[in-house]
Amino acid sequence: MQPHRSSCRALILAAGRNRRMGVDVPPKALLRFGGNSLLARHLAILDSCGVHQVAITIGYRAADLRDEVARHQCGAGVALIENPRFRDGSIVSLWQAREVLRSSVPVLLMD
């Protein structure tokens, strides 16, 4: 059975440092639950729901996030958007991804 093709895109804001969890911890998107990262779980769920266009803002530990995306794309077309000013908050990540929001396709925003 073919998965449903959605006309929706997803935008995941994952550039931040996760300061509330302590010092020198991975980004929230890389926290593991049941053997999978939160990011891998999100990508798999989006894919199963027919959302095959995903943009992810990255900044803090960007290389680790790139590696995780490469391991778990689940068939989704994933675009990574670099936010060099990730320390300034998630609104800056949203600004970096403004082209995703300007598209004519509905966007599911995941923070």
C-alpha atoms as a PDB file:
ATOM      1  CA  MET A   1       0.000   0.000   0.000  1.00  0.00           C
ATOM      2  CA  GLN A   2       1.384   3.409  -0.999  1.00  0.00           C
ATOM      3  CA  PRO A   3       1.614   6.033   1.759  1.00  0.00           C
ATOM      4  CA  HIS A   4      -0.609   9.052   1.349  1.00  0.00           C
ATOM      5  CA  ARG A   5       1.143  11.934  -0.455  1.00  0.00           C
ATOM      6  CA  SER A   6       0.633  15.124   1.503  1.00  0.00           C
ATOM      7  CA  SER A   7       0.673  18.594   0.049  1.00  0.00           C
ATOM      8  CA  CYS A   8       2.105  19.769   3.368  1.00  0.00           C
ATOM      9  CA  ARG A   9       5.732  20.447   4.275  1.00  0.00           C
ATOM     10  CA  ALA A  10       7.287  20.292   7.716  1.00  0.00           C
ATOM     11  CA  LEU A  11       9.724  22.765   9.220  1.00  0.00           C
ATOM     12  CA  ILE A  12      11.652  21.517  12.252  1.00  0.00           C
ATOM     13  CA  LEU A  13      13.515  24.099  14.330  1.00  0.00           C
ATOM     14  CA  ALA A  14      16.499  22.179  15.714  1.00  0.00           C
ATOM     15  CA  ALA A  15      19.321  24.718  15.856  1.00  0.00           C
ATOM     16  CA  GLY A  16      19.289  25.476  19.575  1.00  0.00           C
ATOM     17  CA  ARG A  17      21.664  24.446  22.363  1.00  0.00           C
ATOM     18  CA  ASN A  18      19.184  22.753  24.740  1.00  0.00           C
ATOM     19  CA  ARG A  19      20.429  24.852  27.685  1.00  0.00           C
ATOM     20  CA  ARG A  20      17.603  23.817  30.001  1.00  0.00           C
ATOM     21  CA  MET A  21      18.849  20.212  29.982  1.00  0.00           C
ATOM     22  CA  GLY A  22      22.284  21.171  31.351  1.00  0.00           C
ATOM     23  CA  VAL A  23      25.786  21.920  30.157  1.00  0.00           C
ATOM     24  CA  ASP A  24      27.340  20.102  27.216  1.00  0.00           C
ATOM     25  CA  VAL A  25      24.289  18.020  26.276  1.00  0.00           C
ATOM     26  CA  PRO A  26      23.218  17.139  22.747  1.00  0.00           C
ATOM     27  CA  PRO A  27      20.483  19.100  20.981  1.00  0.00           C
ATOM     28  CA  LYS A  28      16.962  17.986  21.943  1.00  0.00           C
ATOM     29  CA  ALA A  29      16.509  16.491  18.490  1.00  0.00           C
ATOM     30  CA  LEU A  30      19.336  14.028  19.237  1.00  0.00           C
ATOM     31  CA  LEU A  31      17.981  12.818  22.592  1.00  0.00           C
ATOM     32  CA  ARG A  32      17.229   9.097  22.363  1.00  0.00           C
ATOM     33  CA  PHE A  33      13.964   7.358  23.252  1.00  0.00           C
ATOM     34  CA  GLY A  34      13.527   3.631  22.718  1.00  0.00           C
ATOM     35  CA  GLY A  35      16.751   3.436  20.710  1.00  0.00           C
ATOM     36  CA  ASN A  36      15.917   6.244  18.269  1.00  0.00           C
ATOM     37  CA  SER A  37      16.589   9.950  18.364  1.00  0.00           C
ATOM     38  CA  LEU A  38      13.688  12.352  18.624  1.00  0.00           C
ATOM     39  CA  LEU A  39      14.626  13.587  15.142  1.00  0.00           C
ATOM     40  CA  ALA A  40      14.546  10.064  13.657  1.00  0.00           C
ATOM     41  CA  ARG A  41      11.145   9.494  15.276  1.00  0.00           C
ATOM     42  CA  HIS A  42       9.812  12.759  13.830  1.00  0.00           C
ATOM     43  CA  LEU A  43      11.120  11.957  10.341  1.00  0.00           C
ATOM     44  CA  ALA A  44       9.594   8.467  10.419  1.00  0.00           C
ATOM     45  CA  ILE A  45       6.216   9.750  11.637  1.00  0.00           C
ATOM     46  CA  LEU A  46       6.151  12.552   9.062  1.00  0.00           C
ATOM     47  CA  ASP A  47       7.036  10.070   6.321  1.00  0.00           C
ATOM     48  CA  SER A  48       4.286   7.664   7.414  1.00  0.00           C
ATOM     49  CA  CYS A  49       1.802  10.555   7.346  1.00  0.00           C
ATOM     50  CA  GLY A  50       2.777  11.421   3.785  1.00  0.00           C
ATOM     51  CA  VAL A  51       4.845  14.503   4.598  1.00  0.00           C
ATOM     52  CA  HIS A  52       7.846  14.002   2.322  1.00  0.00           C
ATOM     53  CA  GLN A  53       9.290  17.524   2.262  1.00  0.00           C
ATOM     54  CA  VAL A  54      11.023  18.452   5.491  1.00  0.00           C
ATOM     55  CA  ALA A  55      13.250  21.434   6.245  1.00  0.00           C
ATOM     56  CA  ILE A  56      15.340  21.434   9.409  1.00  0.00           C
ATOM     57  CA  THR A  57      17.166  24.432  10.830  1.00  0.00           C
ATOM     58  CA  ILE A  58      20.494  23.457  12.329  1.00  0.00           C
ATOM     59  CA  GLY A  59      23.172  25.353  14.247  1.00  0.00           C
ATOM     60  CA  TYR A  60      24.478  23.935  17.515  1.00  0.00           C
ATOM     61  CA  ARG A  61      26.292  20.645  16.778  1.00  0.00           C
ATOM     62  CA  ALA A  62      25.211  20.904  13.154  1.00  0.00           C
ATOM     63  CA  ALA A  63      27.508  18.062  12.056  1.00  0.00           C
ATOM     64  CA  ASP A  64      25.825  15.671  14.511  1.00  0.00           C
ATOM     65  CA  LEU A  65      22.397  16.655  13.192  1.00  0.00           C
ATOM     66  CA  ARG A  66      23.577  16.186   9.590  1.00  0.00           C
ATOM     67  CA  ASP A  67      24.802  12.694  10.462  1.00  0.00           C
ATOM     68  CA  GLU A  68      21.494  11.808  12.110  1.00  0.00           C
ATOM     69  CA  VAL A  69      19.495  13.012   9.109  1.00  0.00           C
ATOM     70  CA  ALA A  70      21.723  10.969   6.775  1.00  0.00           C
ATOM     71  CA  ARG A  71      20.989   7.837   8.846  1.00  0.00           C
ATOM     72  CA  HIS A  72      17.220   8.299   9.110  1.00  0.00           C
ATOM     73  CA  GLN A  73      15.762  10.101   6.118  1.00  0.00           C
ATOM     74  CA  CYS A  74      12.950   7.537   5.669  1.00  0.00           C
ATOM     75  CA  GLY A  75      12.454   8.596   2.072  1.00  0.00           C
ATOM     76  CA  ALA A  76      11.661  12.191   2.931  1.00  0.00           C
ATOM     77  CA  GLY A  77      13.317  15.001   1.029  1.00  0.00           C
ATOM     78  CA  VAL A  78      15.171  16.758   3.821  1.00  0.00           C
ATOM     79  CA  ALA A  79      16.673  20.220   3.394  1.00  0.00           C
ATOM     80  CA  LEU A  80      19.033  21.486   6.071  1.00  0.00           C
ATOM     81  CA  ILE A  81      19.065  25.219   6.742  1.00  0.00           C
ATOM     82  CA  GLU A  82      22.060  26.560   8.620  1.00  0.00           C
ATOM     83  CA  ASN A  83      21.441  29.130  11.357  1.00  0.00           C
ATOM     84  CA  PRO A  84      24.822  30.586  12.353  1.00  0.00           C
ATOM     85  CA  ARG A  85      23.064  32.797  14.936  1.00  0.00           C
ATOM     86  CA  PHE A  86      21.374  29.908  16.774  1.00  0.00           C
ATOM     87  CA  ARG A  87      22.312  31.433  20.150  1.00  0.00           C
ATOM     88  CA  ASP A  88      19.873  34.286  19.457  1.00  0.00           C
ATOM     89  CA  GLY A  89      16.798  32.049  19.757  1.00  0.00           C
ATOM     90  CA  SER A  90      14.342  30.084  17.670  1.00  0.00           C
ATOM     91  CA  ILE A  91      12.864  33.193  16.042  1.00  0.00           C
ATOM     92  CA  VAL A  92      16.164  33.581  14.173  1.00  0.00           C
ATOM     93  CA  SER A  93      15.858  29.977  12.964  1.00  0.00           C
ATOM     94  CA  LEU A  94      12.375  30.786  11.747  1.00  0.00           C
ATOM     95  CA  TRP A  95      13.787  33.801   9.893  1.00  0.00           C
ATOM     96  CA  GLN A  96      16.512  31.641   8.312  1.00  0.00           C
ATOM     97  CA  ALA A  97      13.753  29.318   7.029  1.00  0.00           C
ATOM     98  CA  ARG A  98      11.508  32.099   5.752  1.00  0.00           C
ATOM     99  CA  GLU A  99      11.586  30.761   2.176  1.00  0.00           C
ATOM    100  CA  VAL A 100       9.899  27.574   3.406  1.00  0.00           C
ATOM    101  CA  LEU A 101       7.148  29.692   4.933  1.00  0.00           C
ATOM    102  CA  ARG A 102       6.762  31.753   1.759  1.00  0.00           C
ATOM    103  CA  SER A 103       6.029  28.717  -0.386  1.00  0.00           C
ATOM    104  CA  SER A 104       2.460  28.157  -1.503  1.00  0.00           C
ATOM    105  CA  VAL A 105       2.368  24.850   0.396  1.00  0.00           C
ATOM    106  CA  PRO A 106       0.979  24.600   3.966  1.00  0.00           C
ATOM    107  CA  VAL A 107       3.739  24.218   6.567  1.00  0.00           C
ATOM    108  CA  LEU A 108       3.668  22.144   9.729  1.00  0.00           C
ATOM    109  CA  LEU A 109       5.956  23.990  12.166  1.00  0.00           C
ATOM    110  CA  MET A 110       7.716  21.783  14.703  1.00  0.00           C
ATOM    111  CA  ASP A 111       9.742  23.492  17.432  1.00  0.00           C
END
